[in-house]
């Protein structure tokens, strides 16, 4: 893989999986900066101090930031569809943790969004 130009990324959800993804991103030469967003400000503060990442006050702050090209959806499973579709609709590439969604209808809505926007969506299900 070419090192290319490092990009800005965001992590949506700063629980256990979000923190795990954050550790890997912090070590990547392909990542220039990381912004995290979570509904729990204390978790964001902990990761901001631990990793030196930026925090976003709202989801819209992440979605409206033209520098952020890729988002990692690591929030609770029931939020995957909403976050993925919102990110795709504003032109962000999305890496979504498993499970893709909690219902077939939500998974179908995510696929429809990526097809409609001609965006990029990958589900982190590499162990299957």
Protein backbone atom coordinates (compact mmCIF):
# COMPACT_ATOMS: atom_id res chain seq x y z
CA UNK A 1 0.00 0.00 0.00
CA UNK A 2 1.31 3.41 -0.91
CA UNK A 3 1.81 5.83 1.95
CA UNK A 4 0.17 8.66 -0.06
CA UNK A 5 -0.96 11.79 1.70
CA UNK A 6 -2.05 11.24 5.30
CA UNK A 7 -5.74 11.99 5.93
CA UNK A 8 -7.95 13.26 8.71
CA UNK A 9 -10.27 10.63 10.19
CA UNK A 10 -12.99 10.50 12.82
CA UNK A 11 -14.08 7.82 15.25
CA UNK A 12 -17.78 7.86 16.09
CA UNK A 13 -18.14 6.09 19.41
CA UNK A 14 -15.39 5.99 22.00
CA UNK A 15 -16.20 2.81 23.89
CA UNK A 16 -14.00 -0.28 23.92
CA UNK A 17 -13.99 -0.80 20.13
CA UNK A 18 -13.55 2.91 19.47
CA UNK A 19 -10.55 3.01 21.76
CA UNK A 20 -9.09 -0.09 20.07
CA UNK A 21 -9.48 1.48 16.61
CA UNK A 22 -8.04 4.73 17.96
CA UNK A 23 -4.88 2.92 19.11
CA UNK A 24 -4.29 1.58 15.61
CA UNK A 25 -5.06 4.89 13.92
CA UNK A 26 -2.67 6.75 16.22
CA UNK A 27 0.18 4.53 14.98
CA UNK A 28 -0.65 4.79 11.28
CA UNK A 29 1.51 6.95 9.02
CA UNK A 30 -1.58 7.25 6.78
CA UNK A 31 -3.44 9.27 9.42
CA UNK A 32 -2.68 12.97 9.89
CA UNK A 33 -5.24 13.70 12.59
CA UNK A 34 -8.05 12.04 14.53
CA UNK A 35 -11.30 13.51 15.82
CA UNK A 36 -13.56 11.56 18.15
CA UNK A 37 -17.24 12.00 18.85
CA UNK A 38 -19.25 10.25 21.54
CA UNK A 39 -22.40 11.03 23.46
CA UNK A 40 -20.37 10.63 26.68
CA UNK A 41 -18.12 13.70 27.10
CA UNK A 42 -16.13 12.02 29.90
CA UNK A 43 -15.05 9.19 27.60
CA UNK A 44 -14.02 11.69 24.94
CA UNK A 45 -12.05 13.70 27.49
CA UNK A 46 -10.23 10.56 28.66
CA UNK A 47 -9.22 9.67 25.10
CA UNK A 48 -8.32 13.25 24.26
CA UNK A 49 -5.86 13.30 27.14
CA UNK A 50 -4.61 9.76 26.51
CA UNK A 51 -4.07 10.08 22.77
CA UNK A 52 -3.95 13.80 22.05
CA UNK A 53 -6.87 13.58 19.64
CA UNK A 54 -9.41 16.28 18.87
CA UNK A 55 -12.98 16.01 20.09
CA UNK A 56 -16.17 17.12 18.37
CA UNK A 57 -19.01 18.67 20.34
CA UNK A 58 -21.62 17.33 17.92
CA UNK A 59 -21.97 14.80 15.15
CA UNK A 60 -22.59 17.69 12.76
CA UNK A 61 -19.15 19.07 13.60
CA UNK A 62 -17.64 15.86 12.23
CA UNK A 63 -19.95 15.61 9.24
CA UNK A 64 -19.39 19.23 8.20
CA UNK A 65 -15.60 19.13 8.50
CA UNK A 66 -14.26 18.96 4.92
CA UNK A 67 -10.86 17.76 6.16
CA UNK A 68 -12.29 14.52 7.59
CA UNK A 69 -12.41 12.04 4.72
CA UNK A 70 -13.03 8.77 6.58
CA UNK A 71 -15.14 7.89 9.62
CA UNK A 72 -15.02 4.75 11.72
CA UNK A 73 -18.42 3.83 13.15
CA UNK A 74 -17.70 2.16 16.49
CA UNK A 75 -20.78 3.33 18.38
CA UNK A 76 -23.42 1.01 19.82
CA UNK A 77 -24.83 -1.41 17.27
CA UNK A 78 -28.24 0.28 17.13
CA UNK A 79 -26.57 3.53 15.96
CA UNK A 80 -24.67 2.04 13.01
CA UNK A 81 -27.32 2.75 10.38
CA UNK A 82 -27.94 6.37 11.40
CA UNK A 83 -24.25 7.24 11.61
CA UNK A 84 -23.27 5.39 8.43
CA UNK A 85 -26.03 6.89 6.30
CA UNK A 86 -25.37 10.40 7.63
CA UNK A 87 -21.65 10.10 6.85
CA UNK A 88 -22.22 8.69 3.37
CA UNK A 89 -24.69 11.43 2.52
CA UNK A 90 -22.04 14.11 3.11
CA UNK A 91 -19.36 12.27 1.13
CA UNK A 92 -17.36 10.57 3.87
CA UNK A 93 -15.94 7.08 3.40
CA UNK A 94 -17.15 4.75 6.18
CA UNK A 95 -15.61 1.82 8.02
CA UNK A 96 -18.39 0.31 10.15
CA UNK A 97 -17.78 -2.23 12.88
CA UNK A 98 -19.72 -5.45 13.03
CA UNK A 99 -22.53 -6.15 13.20
CA UNK A 100 -23.41 -3.99 10.23
CA UNK A 101 -26.85 -3.29 11.67
CA UNK A 102 -29.36 -4.74 14.12
CA UNK A 103 -32.10 -5.32 11.54
CA UNK A 104 -32.22 -6.38 7.92
CA UNK A 105 -34.08 -3.15 7.07
CA UNK A 106 -31.26 -1.06 8.57
CA UNK A 107 -28.61 -3.03 6.68
CA UNK A 108 -30.57 -2.58 3.45
CA UNK A 109 -30.85 1.17 4.10
CA UNK A 110 -27.07 1.34 4.52
CA UNK A 111 -26.49 -0.50 1.23
CA UNK A 112 -29.02 1.76 -0.52
CA UNK A 113 -27.21 4.83 0.84
CA UNK A 114 -23.82 3.68 -0.44
CA UNK A 115 -25.29 2.86 -3.85
CA UNK A 116 -27.17 6.19 -4.04
CA UNK A 117 -24.15 8.28 -3.01
CA UNK A 118 -21.61 6.13 -4.87
CA UNK A 119 -19.65 6.25 -1.63
CA UNK A 120 -17.44 3.76 0.17
CA UNK A 121 -18.62 1.46 2.96
CA UNK A 122 -16.74 -1.42 4.50
CA UNK A 123 -17.90 -3.54 7.42
CA UNK A 124 -15.21 -4.76 9.82
CA UNK A 125 -16.00 -8.46 9.77
CA UNK A 126 -12.57 -9.80 8.87
CA UNK A 127 -12.70 -12.87 11.11
CA UNK A 128 -15.41 -14.64 9.09
